[in-house]
Amino acid sequence: GWGLVADINETTFELRLGILQAKVERMNIYVPKDVLEFLARNIKSNIRELEGALNKVAHTSLIGRSMTVESASETLIDLLRSNHRSITIEEIQKKVAEFFNIKVADMQSNRRLRSLARPRQIAMYFAKKFTQKSLPDIGRNFGGR
């Protein structure tokens, strides 16, 4: 079937900073530049989350707290923690197996079935892209490949 191909690369620091500056102007509030840079550097997942973080930080100034990088990091501690959570090979295998309706054990086996090759390749690609594991480490999790 036909489908839409969309490039979903991570936004750049400059783009995130620009989005924050535009939002601050629209909201007609003052947020120190170092706080905006802190948000742009640390909230990378998506624009909605970035704007939500800005709203939370801006709210702290409304209740009388000064807006600093320290107060922003205190306000956003839970969000920052979840943003830095690392993805495991096991989680990747589970999601890919679920998507292709195969068993994780089959993906981890050294069986060379065509029905397993594509899901295994995709999971290995994601493991390389989203984990800090070396290729030999990744291979050991996929039947020694």
N, C-alpha and C. Protein backbone atom coordinates (compact mmCIF):
# COMPACT_ATOMS: atom_id res chain seq x y z
N GLY A 1 0.81 -1.20 0.00
CA GLY A 1 0.00 0.00 0.00
C GLY A 1 0.85 1.25 0.00
N TRP A 2 0.23 2.34 -0.37
CA TRP A 2 0.90 3.63 -0.39
C TRP A 2 0.83 4.23 1.00
N GLY A 3 1.84 4.96 1.34
CA GLY A 3 1.86 5.62 2.63
C GLY A 3 2.60 6.93 2.54
N LEU A 4 2.45 7.71 3.56
CA LEU A 4 3.14 8.99 3.63
C LEU A 4 4.49 8.79 4.30
N VAL A 5 5.52 9.31 3.71
CA VAL A 5 6.85 9.25 4.31
C VAL A 5 7.13 10.62 4.90
N ALA A 6 7.37 10.66 6.20
CA ALA A 6 7.64 11.93 6.86
C ALA A 6 9.00 11.86 7.54
N ASP A 7 9.78 12.89 7.37
CA ASP A 7 11.09 12.96 8.01
C ASP A 7 10.87 13.50 9.42
N ILE A 8 11.17 12.69 10.44
CA ILE A 8 10.90 13.12 11.80
C ILE A 8 12.19 13.28 12.60
N ASN A 9 13.13 13.97 11.99
CA ASN A 9 14.38 14.23 12.69
C ASN A 9 14.15 15.11 13.90
N GLU A 10 15.03 14.98 14.87
CA GLU A 10 14.97 15.80 16.06
C GLU A 10 15.18 17.26 15.65
N THR A 11 14.44 18.17 16.28
CA THR A 11 14.62 19.58 15.99
C THR A 11 15.98 20.04 16.49
N THR A 12 16.49 21.09 15.89
CA THR A 12 17.79 21.62 16.32
C THR A 12 17.61 22.53 17.52
N PHE A 13 18.70 22.76 18.22
CA PHE A 13 18.70 23.68 19.36
C PHE A 13 18.20 25.06 18.91
N GLU A 14 18.69 25.54 17.77
CA GLU A 14 18.32 26.87 17.27
C GLU A 14 16.82 26.95 17.00
N LEU A 15 16.25 25.91 16.41
CA LEU A 15 14.82 25.91 16.13
C LEU A 15 14.01 25.91 17.42
N ARG A 16 14.41 25.08 18.39
CA ARG A 16 13.69 25.05 19.67
C ARG A 16 13.78 26.40 20.37
N LEU A 17 14.95 27.03 20.33
CA LEU A 17 15.13 28.34 20.95
C LEU A 17 14.25 29.38 20.25
N GLY A 18 14.21 29.33 18.93
CA GLY A 18 13.36 30.25 18.16
C GLY A 18 11.89 30.09 18.49
N ILE A 19 11.45 28.85 18.64
CA ILE A 19 10.05 28.58 19.00
C ILE A 19 9.75 29.17 20.38
N LEU A 20 10.66 28.97 21.32
CA LEU A 20 10.47 29.52 22.67
C LEU A 20 10.43 31.05 22.64
N GLN A 21 11.33 31.67 21.90
CA GLN A 21 11.35 33.13 21.82
C GLN A 21 10.06 33.67 21.22
N ALA A 22 9.55 33.02 20.19
CA ALA A 22 8.30 33.44 19.57
C ALA A 22 7.14 33.29 20.54
N LYS A 23 7.12 32.20 21.29
CA LYS A 23 6.04 31.96 22.26
C LYS A 23 6.09 33.00 23.38
N VAL A 24 7.29 33.33 23.85
CA VAL A 24 7.44 34.34 24.91
C VAL A 24 6.91 35.69 24.41
N GLU A 25 7.22 36.02 23.15
CA GLU A 25 6.71 37.27 22.58
C GLU A 25 5.19 37.26 22.51
N ARG A 26 4.62 36.15 22.04
CA ARG A 26 3.16 36.04 21.95
C ARG A 26 2.50 36.14 23.32
N MET A 27 3.15 35.54 24.33
CA MET A 27 2.60 35.55 25.69
C MET A 27 2.85 36.90 26.37
N ASN A 28 3.71 37.72 25.76
CA ASN A 28 4.06 39.03 26.30
C ASN A 28 4.62 38.92 27.73
N ILE A 29 5.58 38.01 27.90
CA ILE A 29 6.23 37.84 29.20
C ILE A 29 7.74 37.90 29.01
N TYR A 30 8.45 38.11 30.11
CA TYR A 30 9.90 38.13 30.05
C TYR A 30 10.43 36.84 30.65
N VAL A 31 11.26 36.15 29.88
CA VAL A 31 11.96 34.97 30.38
C VAL A 31 13.43 35.19 30.05
N PRO A 32 14.31 35.12 31.07
CA PRO A 32 15.73 35.34 30.81
C PRO A 32 16.27 34.41 29.72
N LYS A 33 17.21 34.92 28.93
CA LYS A 33 17.77 34.17 27.80
C LYS A 33 18.39 32.85 28.26
N ASP A 34 19.07 32.85 29.42
CA ASP A 34 19.70 31.60 29.87
C ASP A 34 18.66 30.54 30.22
N VAL A 35 17.47 30.97 30.66
CA VAL A 35 16.39 30.01 30.96
C VAL A 35 15.84 29.43 29.65
N LEU A 36 15.65 30.30 28.64
CA LEU A 36 15.18 29.81 27.34
C LEU A 36 16.19 28.83 26.74
N GLU A 37 17.48 29.15 26.85
CA GLU A 37 18.52 28.26 26.33
C GLU A 37 18.54 26.93 27.08
N PHE A 38 18.34 26.99 28.39
CA PHE A 38 18.27 25.78 29.21
C PHE A 38 17.13 24.88 28.72
N LEU A 39 15.95 25.48 28.50
CA LEU A 39 14.80 24.71 28.01
C LEU A 39 15.10 24.11 26.63
N ALA A 40 15.63 24.93 25.73
CA ALA A 40 15.91 24.47 24.36
C ALA A 40 16.95 23.35 24.35
N ARG A 41 17.89 23.40 25.28
CA ARG A 41 18.95 22.40 25.34
C ARG A 41 18.46 21.08 25.94
N ASN A 42 17.48 21.16 26.85
CA ASN A 42 17.09 19.97 27.61
C ASN A 42 15.77 19.32 27.22
N ILE A 43 14.87 20.05 26.58
CA ILE A 43 13.58 19.48 26.17
C ILE A 43 13.63 19.25 24.67
N LYS A 44 13.93 18.02 24.27
CA LYS A 44 14.15 17.72 22.85
C LYS A 44 13.07 16.83 22.25
N SER A 45 12.19 16.29 23.09
CA SER A 45 11.27 15.26 22.62
C SER A 45 10.27 15.78 21.59
N ASN A 46 9.55 16.86 21.91
CA ASN A 46 8.62 17.42 20.94
C ASN A 46 8.25 18.85 21.32
N ILE A 47 7.66 19.56 20.38
CA ILE A 47 7.36 20.98 20.57
C ILE A 47 6.30 21.19 21.64
N ARG A 48 5.30 20.31 21.69
CA ARG A 48 4.26 20.44 22.70
C ARG A 48 4.86 20.39 24.10
N GLU A 49 5.78 19.46 24.31
CA GLU A 49 6.44 19.33 25.61
C GLU A 49 7.30 20.56 25.91
N LEU A 50 7.95 21.08 24.89
CA LEU A 50 8.78 22.29 25.03
C LEU A 50 7.92 23.48 25.47
N GLU A 51 6.78 23.66 24.80
CA GLU A 51 5.88 24.77 25.15
C GLU A 51 5.27 24.56 26.53
N GLY A 52 4.96 23.31 26.88
CA GLY A 52 4.43 23.01 28.21
C GLY A 52 5.45 23.34 29.29
N ALA A 53 6.72 23.03 29.02
CA ALA A 53 7.79 23.34 29.98
C ALA A 53 7.90 24.85 30.15
N LEU A 54 7.81 25.59 29.06
CA LEU A 54 7.86 27.06 29.13
C LEU A 54 6.70 27.58 29.97
N ASN A 55 5.50 27.03 29.75
CA ASN A 55 4.34 27.47 30.53
C ASN A 55 4.54 27.22 32.02
N LYS A 56 5.08 26.05 32.38
CA LYS A 56 5.34 25.74 33.79
C LYS A 56 6.32 26.72 34.40
N VAL A 57 7.40 26.99 33.67
CA VAL A 57 8.43 27.91 34.16
C VAL A 57 7.86 29.32 34.29
N ALA A 58 7.07 29.74 33.30
CA ALA A 58 6.46 31.07 33.34
C ALA A 58 5.50 31.18 34.52
N HIS A 59 4.81 30.10 34.83
CA HIS A 59 3.87 30.09 35.95
C HIS A 59 4.58 30.33 37.28
N THR A 60 5.79 29.82 37.43
CA THR A 60 6.53 30.03 38.68
C THR A 60 6.79 31.51 38.91
N SER A 61 6.99 32.27 37.82
CA SER A 61 7.22 33.70 38.00
C SER A 61 5.93 34.41 38.41
N LEU A 62 4.79 33.88 37.99
CA LEU A 62 3.51 34.47 38.37
C LEU A 62 3.23 34.32 39.85
N ILE A 63 3.79 33.25 40.46
CA ILE A 63 3.57 33.06 41.89
C ILE A 63 4.70 33.67 42.72
N GLY A 64 5.50 34.52 42.06
CA GLY A 64 6.47 35.31 42.80
C GLY A 64 7.88 34.75 42.89
N ARG A 65 8.14 33.58 42.32
CA ARG A 65 9.51 33.05 42.36
C ARG A 65 10.31 33.65 41.22
N SER A 66 11.59 33.86 41.46
CA SER A 66 12.43 34.41 40.39
C SER A 66 12.68 33.31 39.35
N MET A 67 12.81 33.75 38.10
CA MET A 67 12.98 32.80 37.01
C MET A 67 14.46 32.66 36.70
N THR A 68 15.04 31.56 37.17
CA THR A 68 16.45 31.27 36.93
C THR A 68 16.56 29.86 36.36
N VAL A 69 17.74 29.51 35.90
CA VAL A 69 17.97 28.15 35.41
C VAL A 69 17.73 27.16 36.55
N GLU A 70 18.15 27.53 37.77
CA GLU A 70 17.96 26.65 38.93
C GLU A 70 16.48 26.43 39.21
N SER A 71 15.69 27.53 39.23
CA SER A 71 14.25 27.37 39.51
C SER A 71 13.57 26.59 38.38
N ALA A 72 14.02 26.80 37.14
CA ALA A 72 13.45 26.06 36.01
C ALA A 72 13.74 24.58 36.14
N SER A 73 14.98 24.23 36.52
CA SER A 73 15.31 22.81 36.64
C SER A 73 14.57 22.17 37.81
N GLU A 74 14.33 22.92 38.89
CA GLU A 74 13.52 22.39 40.01
C GLU A 74 12.09 22.16 39.57
N THR A 75 11.53 23.13 38.85
CA THR A 75 10.14 23.03 38.38
C THR A 75 9.95 21.86 37.43
N LEU A 76 10.96 21.59 36.62
CA LEU A 76 10.83 20.59 35.55
C LEU A 76 11.55 19.28 35.86
N ILE A 77 11.90 19.05 37.12
CA ILE A 77 12.73 17.89 37.48
C ILE A 77 12.17 16.56 36.94
N ASP A 78 10.86 16.35 37.06
CA ASP A 78 10.27 15.09 36.59
C ASP A 78 10.35 14.97 35.07
N LEU A 79 10.07 16.06 34.38
CA LEU A 79 10.13 16.08 32.92
C LEU A 79 11.56 15.85 32.44
N LEU A 80 12.52 16.49 33.08
CA LEU A 80 13.92 16.34 32.68
C LEU A 80 14.40 14.92 32.92
N ARG A 81 13.96 14.32 34.02
CA ARG A 81 14.34 12.94 34.32
C ARG A 81 13.81 11.99 33.25
N SER A 82 12.54 12.16 32.87
CA SER A 82 11.95 11.25 31.88
C SER A 82 12.57 11.46 30.50
N ASN A 83 13.02 12.68 30.21
CA ASN A 83 13.65 12.95 28.92
C ASN A 83 15.01 12.27 28.80
N HIS A 84 15.66 12.01 29.92
CA HIS A 84 16.98 11.41 29.88
C HIS A 84 16.95 9.91 30.14
N ARG A 85 15.74 9.35 30.23
CA ARG A 85 15.61 7.91 30.44
C ARG A 85 16.15 7.20 29.21
N SER A 86 16.95 6.18 29.44
CA SER A 86 17.52 5.49 28.29
C SER A 86 16.64 4.32 27.86
N ILE A 87 16.63 4.08 26.58
CA ILE A 87 15.85 2.99 26.00
C ILE A 87 16.74 1.75 25.99
N THR A 88 16.16 0.60 26.31
CA THR A 88 16.94 -0.63 26.33
C THR A 88 16.69 -1.45 25.06
N ILE A 89 17.62 -2.33 24.76
CA ILE A 89 17.47 -3.24 23.62
C ILE A 89 16.22 -4.10 23.83
N GLU A 90 15.99 -4.52 25.07
CA GLU A 90 14.82 -5.36 25.37
C GLU A 90 13.52 -4.63 25.04
N GLU A 91 13.44 -3.33 25.37
CA GLU A 91 12.23 -2.56 25.05
C GLU A 91 12.05 -2.45 23.54
N ILE A 92 13.13 -2.23 22.84
CA ILE A 92 13.08 -2.14 21.37
C ILE A 92 12.60 -3.46 20.79
N GLN A 93 13.18 -4.57 21.26
CA GLN A 93 12.78 -5.89 20.75
C GLN A 93 11.29 -6.14 21.00
N LYS A 94 10.84 -5.78 22.19
CA LYS A 94 9.44 -6.01 22.55
C LYS A 94 8.50 -5.22 21.62
N LYS A 95 8.81 -3.94 21.39
CA LYS A 95 7.95 -3.10 20.54
C LYS A 95 7.97 -3.56 19.08
N VAL A 96 9.15 -3.90 18.58
CA VAL A 96 9.25 -4.34 17.18
C VAL A 96 8.54 -5.69 17.01
N ALA A 97 8.73 -6.60 17.97
CA ALA A 97 8.06 -7.90 17.91
C ALA A 97 6.54 -7.73 17.94
N GLU A 98 6.09 -6.83 18.80
CA GLU A 98 4.66 -6.53 18.91
C GLU A 98 4.13 -6.01 17.57
N PHE A 99 4.86 -5.07 16.97
CA PHE A 99 4.44 -4.47 15.72
C PHE A 99 4.34 -5.50 14.60
N PHE A 100 5.33 -6.40 14.51
CA PHE A 100 5.36 -7.40 13.44
C PHE A 100 4.65 -8.70 13.83
N ASN A 101 4.08 -8.72 15.03
CA ASN A 101 3.34 -9.89 15.50
C ASN A 101 4.20 -11.15 15.49
N ILE A 102 5.40 -11.03 16.05
CA ILE A 102 6.29 -12.18 16.21
C ILE A 102 6.71 -12.25 17.68
N LYS A 103 7.37 -13.33 18.05
CA LYS A 103 7.83 -13.48 19.43
C LYS A 103 9.22 -12.88 19.58
N VAL A 104 9.47 -12.25 20.73
CA VAL A 104 10.79 -11.70 21.02
C VAL A 104 11.84 -12.81 20.95
N ALA A 105 11.49 -13.99 21.45
CA ALA A 105 12.42 -15.13 21.44
C ALA A 105 12.84 -15.48 20.02
N ASP A 106 11.92 -15.37 19.05
CA ASP A 106 12.27 -15.64 17.65
C ASP A 106 13.28 -14.62 17.13
N MET A 107 13.09 -13.36 17.53
CA MET A 107 14.00 -12.31 17.10
C MET A 107 15.40 -12.52 17.69
N GLN A 108 15.44 -13.07 18.89
CA GLN A 108 16.72 -13.30 19.58
C GLN A 108 17.39 -14.60 19.14
N SER A 109 16.65 -15.45 18.46
CA SER A 109 17.21 -16.74 18.03
C SER A 109 18.13 -16.53 16.83
N ASN A 110 18.87 -17.58 16.48
CA ASN A 110 19.72 -17.47 15.29
C ASN A 110 19.05 -18.08 14.06
N ARG A 111 17.73 -18.28 14.13
CA ARG A 111 16.98 -18.80 12.99
C ARG A 111 16.99 -17.77 11.86
N ARG A 112 17.13 -18.26 10.63
CA ARG A 112 17.29 -17.36 9.50
C ARG A 112 16.03 -17.30 8.62
N LEU A 113 14.88 -17.27 9.23
CA LEU A 113 13.64 -17.21 8.47
C LEU A 113 13.44 -15.81 7.89
N ARG A 114 12.92 -15.77 6.68
CA ARG A 114 12.66 -14.48 6.03
C ARG A 114 11.69 -13.63 6.85
N SER A 115 10.70 -14.28 7.47
CA SER A 115 9.70 -13.54 8.25
C SER A 115 10.31 -12.87 9.49
N LEU A 116 11.49 -13.31 9.90
CA LEU A 116 12.17 -12.72 11.06
C LEU A 116 13.26 -11.73 10.65
N ALA A 117 13.75 -11.84 9.44
CA ALA A 117 14.89 -11.02 9.01
C ALA A 117 14.60 -9.53 9.08
N ARG A 118 13.49 -9.10 8.50
CA ARG A 118 13.17 -7.66 8.46
C ARG A 118 12.95 -7.10 9.87
N PRO A 119 12.09 -7.74 10.69
CA PRO A 119 11.91 -7.22 12.06
C PRO A 119 13.23 -7.17 12.83
N ARG A 120 14.06 -8.20 12.65
CA ARG A 120 15.36 -8.24 13.34
C ARG A 120 16.25 -7.08 12.88
N GLN A 121 16.28 -6.84 11.57
CA GLN A 121 17.10 -5.74 11.03
C GLN A 121 16.62 -4.39 11.56
N ILE A 122 15.31 -4.21 11.61
CA ILE A 122 14.75 -2.95 12.10
C ILE A 122 15.08 -2.76 13.58
N ALA A 123 14.90 -3.82 14.37
CA ALA A 123 15.20 -3.73 15.80
C ALA A 123 16.69 -3.45 16.03
N MET A 124 17.56 -4.07 15.23
CA MET A 124 19.00 -3.83 15.36
C MET A 124 19.34 -2.38 14.98
N TYR A 125 18.70 -1.87 13.95
CA TYR A 125 18.91 -0.48 13.55
C TYR A 125 18.51 0.46 14.69
N PHE A 126 17.31 0.22 15.27
CA PHE A 126 16.85 1.06 16.39
C PHE A 126 17.80 0.94 17.58
N ALA A 127 18.29 -0.27 17.84
CA ALA A 127 19.21 -0.47 18.96
C ALA A 127 20.48 0.35 18.75
N LYS A 128 20.98 0.39 17.53
CA LYS A 128 22.19 1.18 17.24
C LYS A 128 21.91 2.68 17.38
N LYS A 129 20.74 3.09 16.89
CA LYS A 129 20.39 4.51 16.89
C LYS A 129 20.03 5.04 18.27
N PHE A 130 19.33 4.24 19.09
CA PHE A 130 18.77 4.77 20.33
C PHE A 130 19.42 4.25 21.61
N THR A 131 20.45 3.42 21.49
CA THR A 131 21.16 2.98 22.69
C THR A 131 22.64 3.30 22.51
N GLN A 132 23.37 3.17 23.57
CA GLN A 132 24.82 3.42 23.53
C GLN A 132 25.60 2.12 23.30
N LYS A 133 24.91 1.06 22.94
CA LYS A 133 25.54 -0.26 22.80
C LYS A 133 26.40 -0.35 21.54
N SER A 134 27.44 -1.16 21.63
CA SER A 134 28.31 -1.40 20.46
C SER A 134 27.63 -2.42 19.54
N LEU A 135 28.10 -2.49 18.30
CA LEU A 135 27.53 -3.47 17.36
C LEU A 135 27.69 -4.90 17.86
N PRO A 136 28.86 -5.30 18.42
CA PRO A 136 28.95 -6.66 18.95
C PRO A 136 27.95 -6.92 20.09
N ASP A 137 27.74 -5.93 20.97
CA ASP A 137 26.74 -6.08 22.04
C ASP A 137 25.35 -6.26 21.46
N ILE A 138 25.02 -5.44 20.47
CA ILE A 138 23.70 -5.53 19.84
C ILE A 138 23.55 -6.91 19.18
N GLY A 139 24.58 -7.34 18.46
CA GLY A 139 24.54 -8.64 17.79
C GLY A 139 24.28 -9.79 18.75
N ARG A 140 24.89 -9.73 19.93
CA ARG A 140 24.68 -10.79 20.93
C ARG A 140 23.22 -10.88 21.38
N ASN A 141 22.49 -9.77 21.29
CA ASN A 141 21.07 -9.77 21.67
C ASN A 141 20.16 -10.26 20.55
N PHE A 142 20.74 -10.50 19.38
CA PHE A 142 19.95 -10.92 18.22
C PHE A 142 20.53 -12.19 17.60
N GLY A 143 20.72 -13.19 18.41
CA GLY A 143 21.18 -14.48 17.89
C GLY A 143 22.61 -14.46 17.39
N GLY A 144 23.43 -13.60 17.94
CA GLY A 144 24.85 -13.58 17.59
C GLY A 144 25.17 -12.89 16.28
N ARG A 145 24.25 -12.13 15.73
CA ARG A 145 24.48 -11.46 14.43
C ARG A 145 25.24 -10.17 14.61
